Amino acid sequence: MATKDKNVRPEDLLDVSQLRLLSKDSVLVGGTAITVMLGADKTSHYRYPRSTDIDVISQGAEVGRLKRQLGAPIVENLTDHHMVRLASGIGVDREKVVEEKSPFTVIRFPNSRLDIFTTVTGLGPIKVNARVFKSAVKYTFAGMELKVAHPSYIIATTINPLVATDNRIFRSFLVISDYALKNGNDALFKDVMAPAVSYIIEGSDRVNKELKKIRNDRRYSHIFKGKKREYLEYDKYFFSSLPGRLETERRKIVSFALAIGIGTKDQNTALVGELANFIRKSAQVS
């Protein structure tokens, strides 16, 4: 899970040289944003599972500027990760991660860890628009002023049906619990969770449009032949699966937050239950 290390430097958490390539208008998202948010506060001395890629939302002009520095950009498909349970033959199940092509795309550059998302690519099923840039929050990290997406957007791009691995759910809870501690539960559900759910539900339009484009494309046959509910029943899958996953993994989620140094056992245990109930109730009004 997470281990305490009081000697961790900012450059140990993220590749600072990559961050310095970004303009002041770029907005960090994903695990990168969470690292900056938590690294800017008391949790900067904790390690936790995270990607080495730097996820960024940028304007078209930023992509052009990076092209001049790094070379021609490459548009690539994102990868879906699924956990598949395998029969071992001796009564013990094993699991493996299966990677499959997503219809959604990302912009990458040669010899760079930057993953760039724009208004054209979106960020998976979640749209990128002016609201995302306007609501970004400034943080100081490794002596730099960086913009980080609003917590509601970070949550939406972390727990939507297409990306919600256990690890991402655990990391998103750090943002949720930290926000609740600083601003109260009422503000959390009004200002973070409600717009996060809204972002996710709006993503169904993007998913449905992509499904129409790829229906006869063999590269994506796994979605239709495999009856991937996270795609084919995007809204329904979100509301039916996530509350149960939160409750099933409650103990691990709470332990993870405690190891990072956020909240108490009682606070986090109660909050996981409130989150599950909030999502269930949101299904009734969506």
Protein backbone atom coordinates (compact mmCIF):
# COMPACT_ATOMS: atom_id res chain seq x y z
CA MET A 1 0.00 0.00 0.00
CA ALA A 2 1.74 3.12 1.24
CA THR A 3 4.97 3.49 3.16
CA LYS A 4 6.21 6.47 5.09
CA ASP A 5 9.44 8.06 3.96
CA LYS A 6 10.38 11.41 5.46
CA ASN A 7 13.27 11.90 3.06
CA VAL A 8 11.24 12.00 -0.15
CA ARG A 9 11.96 15.04 -2.32
CA PRO A 10 9.51 16.51 -4.87
CA GLU A 11 11.68 15.20 -7.69
CA ASP A 12 11.25 11.70 -6.21
CA LEU A 13 7.48 11.99 -6.59
CA LEU A 14 7.34 13.28 -10.17
CA ASP A 15 9.74 13.95 -13.04
CA VAL A 16 10.26 17.66 -12.41
CA SER A 17 12.09 18.10 -15.72
CA GLN A 18 8.88 17.11 -17.52
CA LEU A 19 6.79 19.49 -15.45
CA ARG A 20 9.11 22.35 -16.43
CA LEU A 21 8.19 21.78 -20.08
CA LEU A 22 4.63 22.88 -19.42
CA SER A 23 3.28 26.39 -19.79
CA LYS A 24 1.41 28.16 -16.99
CA ASP A 25 -1.89 27.46 -18.77
CA SER A 26 -1.58 23.67 -18.69
CA VAL A 27 -3.70 21.84 -16.12
CA LEU A 28 -2.57 18.65 -14.39
CA VAL A 29 -4.97 15.74 -13.98
CA GLY A 30 -4.96 12.09 -12.90
CA GLY A 31 -2.34 10.69 -10.55
CA THR A 32 -0.05 13.62 -11.38
CA ALA A 33 -2.58 16.09 -10.03
CA ILE A 34 -3.13 14.02 -6.89
CA THR A 35 0.62 13.87 -6.24
CA VAL A 36 0.90 17.66 -6.55
CA MET A 37 -2.15 18.26 -4.36
CA LEU A 38 -0.95 15.96 -1.60
CA GLY A 39 2.72 16.76 -2.08
CA ALA A 40 1.93 20.42 -1.49
CA ASP A 41 0.57 19.60 1.97
CA LYS A 42 1.47 17.37 4.91
CA THR A 43 1.43 14.19 2.83
CA SER A 44 4.46 15.11 0.71
CA HIS A 45 6.55 12.56 2.63
CA TYR A 46 4.48 9.52 1.70
CA ARG A 47 4.83 7.17 -1.23
CA TYR A 48 1.84 5.48 -2.87
CA PRO A 49 1.19 3.61 -6.14
CA ARG A 50 1.10 5.96 -9.11
CA SER A 51 1.91 6.15 -12.80
CA THR A 52 5.17 7.70 -13.99
CA ASP A 53 3.30 9.45 -16.82
CA ILE A 54 2.34 13.09 -16.39
CA ASP A 55 -1.29 13.66 -17.37
CA VAL A 56 -2.00 17.15 -18.68
CA ILE A 57 -4.93 19.04 -20.16
CA SER A 58 -3.72 21.60 -22.66
CA GLN A 59 -4.96 24.02 -25.28
CA GLY A 60 -4.11 23.49 -28.95
CA ALA A 61 -1.50 26.24 -28.79
CA GLU A 62 0.33 24.34 -26.06
CA VAL A 63 0.52 21.25 -28.25
CA GLY A 64 2.06 23.38 -31.01
CA ARG A 65 4.63 24.82 -28.62
CA LEU A 66 5.59 21.37 -27.32
CA LYS A 67 5.91 20.15 -30.91
CA ARG A 68 8.64 22.71 -31.52
CA GLN A 69 10.48 21.49 -28.41
CA LEU A 70 9.91 17.75 -28.50
CA GLY A 71 9.14 16.84 -32.09
CA ALA A 72 6.01 15.72 -33.91
CA PRO A 73 3.21 14.58 -31.61
CA ILE A 74 1.76 11.08 -31.87
CA VAL A 75 -1.94 10.41 -31.37
CA GLU A 76 -2.34 7.02 -29.71
CA ASN A 77 -5.23 5.01 -28.35
CA LEU A 78 -5.57 4.79 -24.62
CA THR A 79 -5.42 1.34 -23.05
CA ASP A 80 -8.16 -0.24 -20.98
CA HIS A 81 -6.99 -2.43 -18.11
CA HIS A 82 -9.21 -5.28 -16.92
CA MET A 83 -8.64 -7.78 -14.14
CA VAL A 84 -9.49 -11.30 -15.31
CA ARG A 85 -9.90 -14.20 -12.91
CA LEU A 86 -8.26 -17.45 -14.04
CA ALA A 87 -8.96 -20.96 -12.80
CA SER A 88 -5.75 -22.49 -11.47
CA GLY A 89 -6.85 -26.11 -11.59
CA ILE A 90 -6.07 -26.62 -7.92
CA GLY A 91 -9.03 -24.85 -6.43
CA VAL A 92 -7.33 -21.46 -6.11
CA ASP A 93 -8.21 -18.63 -8.45
CA ARG A 94 -5.55 -16.42 -9.96
CA GLU A 95 -5.92 -13.00 -11.55
CA LYS A 96 -4.13 -11.23 -14.36
CA VAL A 97 -4.40 -7.79 -15.92
CA VAL A 98 -5.53 -7.75 -19.55
CA GLU A 99 -4.83 -4.70 -21.70
CA GLU A 100 -7.23 -3.80 -24.52
CA LYS A 101 -7.42 -0.93 -26.99
CA SER A 102 -9.69 1.98 -26.07
CA PRO A 103 -11.42 4.06 -28.77
CA PHE A 104 -10.37 7.21 -26.92
CA THR A 105 -7.04 8.86 -27.65
CA VAL A 106 -4.13 10.74 -26.09
CA ILE A 107 -1.37 12.93 -27.56
CA ARG A 108 2.21 11.89 -26.79
CA PHE A 109 5.65 13.12 -27.80
CA PRO A 110 8.88 11.20 -28.51
CA ASN A 111 11.06 10.59 -25.45
CA SER A 112 8.55 12.28 -23.16
CA ARG A 113 6.37 11.18 -20.28
CA LEU A 114 3.71 13.77 -21.05
CA ASP A 115 0.21 12.51 -21.82
CA ILE A 116 -1.68 15.44 -23.35
CA PHE A 117 -5.47 15.69 -23.50
CA THR A 118 -7.29 18.48 -25.34
CA THR A 119 -10.81 19.64 -26.20
CA VAL A 120 -10.52 17.38 -29.26
CA THR A 121 -9.36 14.18 -27.54
CA GLY A 122 -11.26 14.70 -24.30
CA LEU A 123 -9.99 12.66 -21.36
CA GLY A 124 -11.50 9.27 -22.05
CA PRO A 125 -15.27 9.64 -21.70
CA ILE A 126 -14.94 12.95 -19.83
CA LYS A 127 -15.02 16.08 -21.95
CA VAL A 128 -12.41 18.82 -21.81
CA ASN A 129 -13.92 22.31 -22.01
CA ALA A 130 -13.42 25.89 -20.85
CA ARG A 131 -14.93 25.07 -17.47
CA VAL A 132 -12.06 22.72 -16.71
CA PHE A 133 -9.46 25.42 -17.33
CA LYS A 134 -11.37 28.11 -15.43
CA SER A 135 -11.89 25.97 -12.33
CA ALA A 136 -8.25 24.85 -12.05
CA VAL A 137 -6.51 25.43 -8.71
CA LYS A 138 -2.93 26.69 -8.28
CA TYR A 139 -0.40 24.76 -6.19
CA THR A 140 3.29 25.17 -5.52
CA PHE A 141 5.37 22.05 -6.08
CA ALA A 142 9.17 21.75 -6.33
CA GLY A 143 9.41 25.54 -6.48
CA MET A 144 7.00 25.77 -9.42
CA GLU A 145 3.49 27.17 -9.59
CA LEU A 146 1.32 24.54 -11.23
CA LYS A 147 -2.35 24.39 -12.12
CA VAL A 148 -4.29 21.35 -11.00
CA ALA A 149 -7.79 20.43 -12.15
CA HIS A 150 -10.62 21.02 -9.68
CA PRO A 151 -11.16 18.01 -7.37
CA SER A 152 -14.52 17.29 -9.04
CA TYR A 153 -12.79 16.79 -12.38
CA ILE A 154 -10.01 14.69 -10.89
CA ILE A 155 -12.64 12.42 -9.31
CA ALA A 156 -14.66 12.16 -12.55
CA THR A 157 -11.61 11.18 -14.59
CA THR A 158 -10.51 8.67 -11.96
CA ILE A 159 -13.68 6.75 -11.03
CA ASN A 160 -15.72 6.76 -14.26
CA PRO A 161 -16.63 3.24 -15.49
CA LEU A 162 -13.88 3.03 -18.11
CA VAL A 163 -10.96 3.66 -15.75
CA ALA A 164 -12.05 2.78 -12.20
CA THR A 165 -9.42 0.27 -11.12
CA ASP A 166 -9.08 -0.42 -7.39
CA ASN A 167 -5.88 1.61 -7.31
CA ARG A 168 -7.59 4.65 -8.86
CA ILE A 169 -10.53 4.36 -6.48
CA PHE A 170 -8.10 4.30 -3.55
CA ARG A 171 -6.23 7.36 -4.85
CA SER A 172 -9.43 9.29 -5.57
CA PHE A 173 -10.51 8.71 -1.97
CA LEU A 174 -7.42 10.57 -0.79
CA VAL A 175 -8.68 13.67 -2.63
CA ILE A 176 -12.22 13.15 -1.31
CA SER A 177 -11.20 12.64 2.32
CA ASP A 178 -8.68 15.50 2.25
CA TYR A 179 -11.33 17.87 0.85
CA ALA A 180 -13.91 16.78 3.45
CA LEU A 181 -11.46 17.36 6.29
CA LYS A 182 -10.64 20.86 5.08
CA ASN A 183 -14.07 22.00 3.93
CA GLY A 184 -16.65 19.73 5.56
CA ASN A 185 -18.86 16.98 4.18
CA ASP A 186 -21.61 19.32 2.98
CA ALA A 187 -19.13 21.21 0.77
CA LEU A 188 -17.64 17.91 -0.43
CA PHE A 189 -20.92 16.55 -1.74
CA LYS A 190 -22.15 19.89 -3.11
CA ASP A 191 -18.96 21.24 -4.68
CA VAL A 192 -17.05 18.07 -5.56
CA MET A 193 -19.14 14.90 -5.74
CA ALA A 194 -22.23 16.40 -7.39
CA PRO A 195 -20.29 17.97 -10.29
CA ALA A 196 -18.08 14.86 -10.51
CA VAL A 197 -21.12 12.65 -11.03
CA SER A 198 -22.44 15.20 -13.54
CA TYR A 199 -19.17 15.03 -15.53
CA ILE A 200 -19.37 11.23 -15.54
CA ILE A 201 -22.99 11.09 -16.71
CA GLU A 202 -22.32 13.66 -19.44
CA GLY A 203 -19.62 11.26 -20.62
CA SER A 204 -22.28 8.81 -21.79
CA ASP A 205 -22.79 10.94 -24.91
CA ARG A 206 -19.09 10.65 -25.79
CA VAL A 207 -19.15 6.89 -25.17
CA ASN A 208 -22.24 6.36 -27.33
CA LYS A 209 -20.77 8.41 -30.18
CA GLU A 210 -17.56 6.37 -30.11
CA LEU A 211 -19.49 3.10 -30.02
CA LYS A 212 -21.32 4.06 -33.20
CA LYS A 213 -18.02 4.85 -34.94
CA ILE A 214 -16.32 1.60 -33.99
CA ARG A 215 -19.18 -0.90 -34.16
CA ASN A 216 -17.80 -2.57 -37.31
CA ASP A 217 -14.12 -2.07 -36.51
CA ARG A 218 -12.42 -5.36 -35.67
CA ARG A 219 -9.89 -3.59 -33.46
CA TYR A 220 -12.67 -3.01 -30.93
CA SER A 221 -14.53 -6.29 -31.25
CA HIS A 222 -13.64 -7.09 -27.64
CA ILE A 223 -16.08 -4.39 -26.51
CA PHE A 224 -19.07 -5.83 -28.34
CA LYS A 225 -18.29 -9.56 -28.30
CA GLY A 226 -17.20 -9.35 -24.70
CA LYS A 227 -20.31 -7.33 -23.85
CA LYS A 228 -18.28 -4.81 -21.90
CA ARG A 229 -20.91 -3.27 -19.63
CA GLU A 230 -18.67 -0.34 -18.75
CA TYR A 231 -19.05 0.76 -22.38
CA LEU A 232 -22.41 -0.67 -23.45
CA GLU A 233 -24.25 0.23 -20.23
CA TYR A 234 -22.04 3.12 -19.17
CA ASP A 235 -24.49 4.99 -16.86
CA LYS A 236 -26.13 1.90 -15.44
CA TYR A 237 -22.80 0.21 -14.82
CA PHE A 238 -21.45 3.23 -12.92
CA PHE A 239 -24.41 3.50 -10.56
CA SER A 240 -24.71 -0.25 -9.99
CA SER A 241 -21.04 -1.16 -9.60
CA LEU A 242 -19.23 1.65 -7.79
CA PRO A 243 -21.25 1.76 -4.53
CA GLY A 244 -20.76 -1.98 -4.06
CA ARG A 245 -17.06 -1.74 -4.81
CA LEU A 246 -16.65 1.05 -2.27
CA GLU A 247 -18.38 -1.01 0.41
CA THR A 248 -16.52 -4.21 -0.45
CA GLU A 249 -13.15 -2.47 -0.36
CA ARG A 250 -14.02 -0.17 2.56
CA ARG A 251 -11.38 -1.62 4.89
CA LYS A 252 -8.60 -1.36 2.28
CA ILE A 253 -9.65 2.18 1.30
CA VAL A 254 -9.60 3.32 4.92
CA SER A 255 -6.24 1.64 5.61
CA PHE A 256 -4.79 3.30 2.50
CA ALA A 257 -5.92 6.78 3.60
CA LEU A 258 -4.56 6.21 7.11
CA ALA A 259 -1.20 5.07 5.75
CA ILE A 260 -1.00 8.26 3.69
CA GLY A 261 -1.87 10.29 6.79
CA ILE A 262 -5.36 11.57 5.92
CA GLY A 263 -8.25 11.47 8.40
CA THR A 264 -9.04 8.99 11.16
CA LYS A 265 -10.37 5.46 10.92
CA ASP A 266 -13.86 6.49 12.04
CA GLN A 267 -13.98 9.54 9.73
CA ASN A 268 -12.88 7.60 6.66
CA THR A 269 -15.06 4.58 7.40
CA ALA A 270 -18.14 6.77 7.65
CA LEU A 271 -17.18 8.74 4.56
CA VAL A 272 -16.90 5.63 2.37
CA GLY A 273 -20.46 4.71 3.36
CA GLU A 274 -21.72 8.22 2.63
CA LEU A 275 -20.07 8.16 -0.79
CA ALA A 276 -21.73 4.86 -1.70
CA ASN A 277 -25.14 6.16 -0.60
CA PHE A 278 -24.64 9.46 -2.45
CA ILE A 279 -23.92 7.67 -5.73
CA ARG A 280 -26.95 5.39 -5.29
CA LYS A 281 -29.19 8.42 -4.67
CA SER A 282 -27.68 10.23 -7.66
CA ALA A 283 -28.90 7.39 -9.89
CA GLN A 284 -32.49 8.22 -8.91
CA VAL A 285 -32.27 11.82 -10.11
CA SER A 286 -30.00 11.44 -13.14
